[in-house]
Amino acid sequence: QVQLVESGGGAVQAGGSLRVSCAASGLLFSLYGMAWFRQAPGEEREFVAAISRDGGSTDYADSVKGRFTISRDNAKNTVYLQMNSLKAEDTAVYYCAALYGLTLPRTWTSYKYWGQGTQVTVSS
């Protein structure tokens, strides 16, 4: 049984920082690319960042580039998203997703496994 469990969400002031985590189990974590997506109420799911299975390649949405950093610790089966200089428009439920292989797609339909999400609220 594959499980992805996000944690670390919360409420922060604009300009602040937050780190969300995603702990994976039930899969060979080092063989999966990982990604973060987010979804605000009434909006479609949006790509945020992705990281290759060995951590050697990353991809970021233009809206978060320079502010967010995705990383992974394969020994801990965990992927992280460090969010700095947060803006009100970053408010959303943040989901992690896993995809077997080497590609880093930006489309949410490409990913096979999903976590339940963690809420991030940024007040201005």
Protein backbone atom coordinates (compact mmCIF):
# COMPACT_ATOMS: atom_id res chain seq x y z
CA GLN A 1 0.00 0.00 0.00
CA VAL A 2 1.50 3.30 -1.11
CA GLN A 3 1.05 6.25 1.19
CA LEU A 4 2.20 9.84 0.84
CA VAL A 5 1.61 11.95 3.92
CA GLU A 6 2.17 15.70 3.90
CA SER A 7 2.85 17.72 7.02
CA GLY A 8 4.15 21.09 8.10
CA GLY A 9 1.44 23.34 6.78
CA GLY A 10 0.07 26.23 8.76
CA ALA A 11 -0.63 29.94 8.83
CA VAL A 12 2.13 32.49 8.26
CA GLN A 13 2.47 36.18 7.55
CA ALA A 14 3.39 37.42 4.11
CA GLY A 15 7.16 37.45 3.76
CA GLY A 16 7.54 34.54 6.13
CA SER A 17 8.77 31.01 5.59
CA LEU A 18 7.41 27.52 5.95
CA ARG A 19 8.66 24.04 5.16
CA VAL A 20 6.26 21.30 4.22
CA SER A 21 7.25 17.64 4.14
CA CYS A 22 5.97 14.52 2.43
CA ALA A 23 6.78 11.13 3.88
CA ALA A 24 6.41 8.18 1.52
CA SER A 25 5.91 4.52 2.31
CA GLY A 26 5.03 1.40 0.39
CA LEU A 27 7.21 2.20 -2.62
CA LEU A 28 10.87 2.20 -3.58
CA PHE A 29 11.21 5.91 -3.01
CA SER A 30 14.55 6.29 -4.79
CA LEU A 31 12.96 5.13 -8.08
CA TYR A 32 10.28 7.83 -8.12
CA GLY A 33 10.36 11.41 -9.19
CA MET A 34 8.49 13.63 -6.76
CA ALA A 35 6.51 16.80 -7.24
CA TRP A 36 4.53 19.39 -5.34
CA PHE A 37 1.24 20.77 -6.60
CA ARG A 38 -1.15 23.20 -4.96
CA GLN A 39 -4.80 24.01 -5.23
CA ALA A 40 -6.62 27.08 -4.00
CA PRO A 41 -10.40 27.07 -3.48
CA GLY A 42 -12.23 27.33 -6.78
CA GLU A 43 -9.04 26.97 -8.80
CA GLU A 44 -7.41 24.14 -10.68
CA ARG A 45 -4.48 22.17 -9.38
CA GLU A 46 -1.24 23.97 -10.16
CA PHE A 47 2.30 22.66 -10.58
CA VAL A 48 4.77 24.04 -8.06
CA ALA A 49 8.02 22.07 -8.20
CA ALA A 50 9.47 18.68 -9.06
CA ILE A 51 12.64 16.78 -8.32
CA SER A 52 14.19 13.78 -10.03
CA ARG A 53 14.58 10.52 -8.22
CA ASP A 54 18.27 11.08 -7.49
CA GLY A 55 17.78 14.74 -6.63
CA GLY A 56 19.98 15.84 -9.51
CA SER A 57 17.34 17.77 -11.45
CA THR A 58 14.65 20.18 -10.31
CA ASP A 59 11.91 22.16 -11.98
CA TYR A 60 9.94 25.12 -10.64
CA ALA A 61 6.93 27.06 -11.70
CA ASP A 62 7.81 30.63 -12.63
CA SER A 63 5.60 31.90 -9.83
CA VAL A 64 7.77 30.28 -7.15
CA LYS A 65 11.23 30.23 -8.72
CA GLY A 66 13.76 31.89 -6.45
CA ARG A 67 11.48 31.60 -3.43
CA PHE A 68 10.81 27.88 -3.08
CA THR A 69 13.27 25.00 -2.91
CA ILE A 70 12.40 21.35 -3.39
CA SER A 71 14.68 18.71 -1.93
CA ARG A 72 14.59 15.07 -0.98
CA ASP A 73 16.24 12.69 1.43
CA ASN A 74 16.04 9.21 -0.02
CA ALA A 75 17.35 7.67 3.20
CA LYS A 76 14.28 9.09 4.96
CA ASN A 77 11.83 8.54 2.09
CA THR A 78 10.89 12.19 2.36
CA VAL A 79 10.56 15.12 -0.01
CA TYR A 80 10.49 18.72 1.23
CA LEU A 81 9.36 22.07 -0.03
CA GLN A 82 11.01 25.06 1.61
CA MET A 83 8.89 28.14 1.01
CA ASN A 84 10.41 31.57 1.60
CA SER A 85 9.15 35.09 0.96
CA LEU A 86 5.61 33.81 1.04
CA LYS A 87 2.84 35.78 -0.61
CA ALA A 88 -0.89 35.75 -0.08
CA GLU A 89 -1.31 34.12 -3.47
CA ASP A 90 0.65 31.11 -2.21
CA THR A 91 -2.32 30.21 -0.03
CA ALA A 92 -3.49 26.75 -1.06
CA VAL A 93 -3.59 23.11 -0.14
CA TYR A 94 -0.21 21.66 -1.04
CA TYR A 95 -0.05 18.10 -2.34
CA CYS A 96 2.91 15.86 -3.01
CA ALA A 97 2.88 13.35 -5.83
CA ALA A 98 5.07 10.48 -7.02
CA LEU A 99 5.86 9.16 -10.49
CA TYR A 100 8.04 6.21 -11.35
CA GLY A 101 10.88 7.02 -13.71
CA LEU A 102 13.14 9.83 -14.81
CA THR A 103 10.80 12.48 -16.19
CA LEU A 104 9.61 15.63 -14.40
CA PRO A 105 6.21 16.40 -15.90
CA ARG A 106 4.28 19.50 -14.91
CA THR A 107 0.87 17.96 -15.50
CA TRP A 108 -0.88 16.52 -12.47
CA THR A 109 -2.43 13.74 -14.51
CA SER A 110 1.04 12.26 -15.05
CA TYR A 111 1.46 11.33 -11.40
CA LYS A 112 0.25 8.05 -10.00
CA TYR A 113 0.34 8.54 -6.24
CA TRP A 114 -0.89 11.48 -4.18
CA GLY A 115 -0.92 12.61 -0.61
CA GLN A 116 -3.89 14.07 1.22
CA GLY A 117 -2.56 17.61 1.21
CA THR A 118 -1.56 20.14 3.82
CA GLN A 119 -3.02 23.62 4.14
CA VAL A 120 -0.79 26.66 3.79
CA THR A 121 -2.37 30.02 4.56
CA VAL A 122 -0.47 33.27 4.01
CA SER A 123 -1.96 36.46 5.40
CA SER A 124 -1.06 39.88 4.04
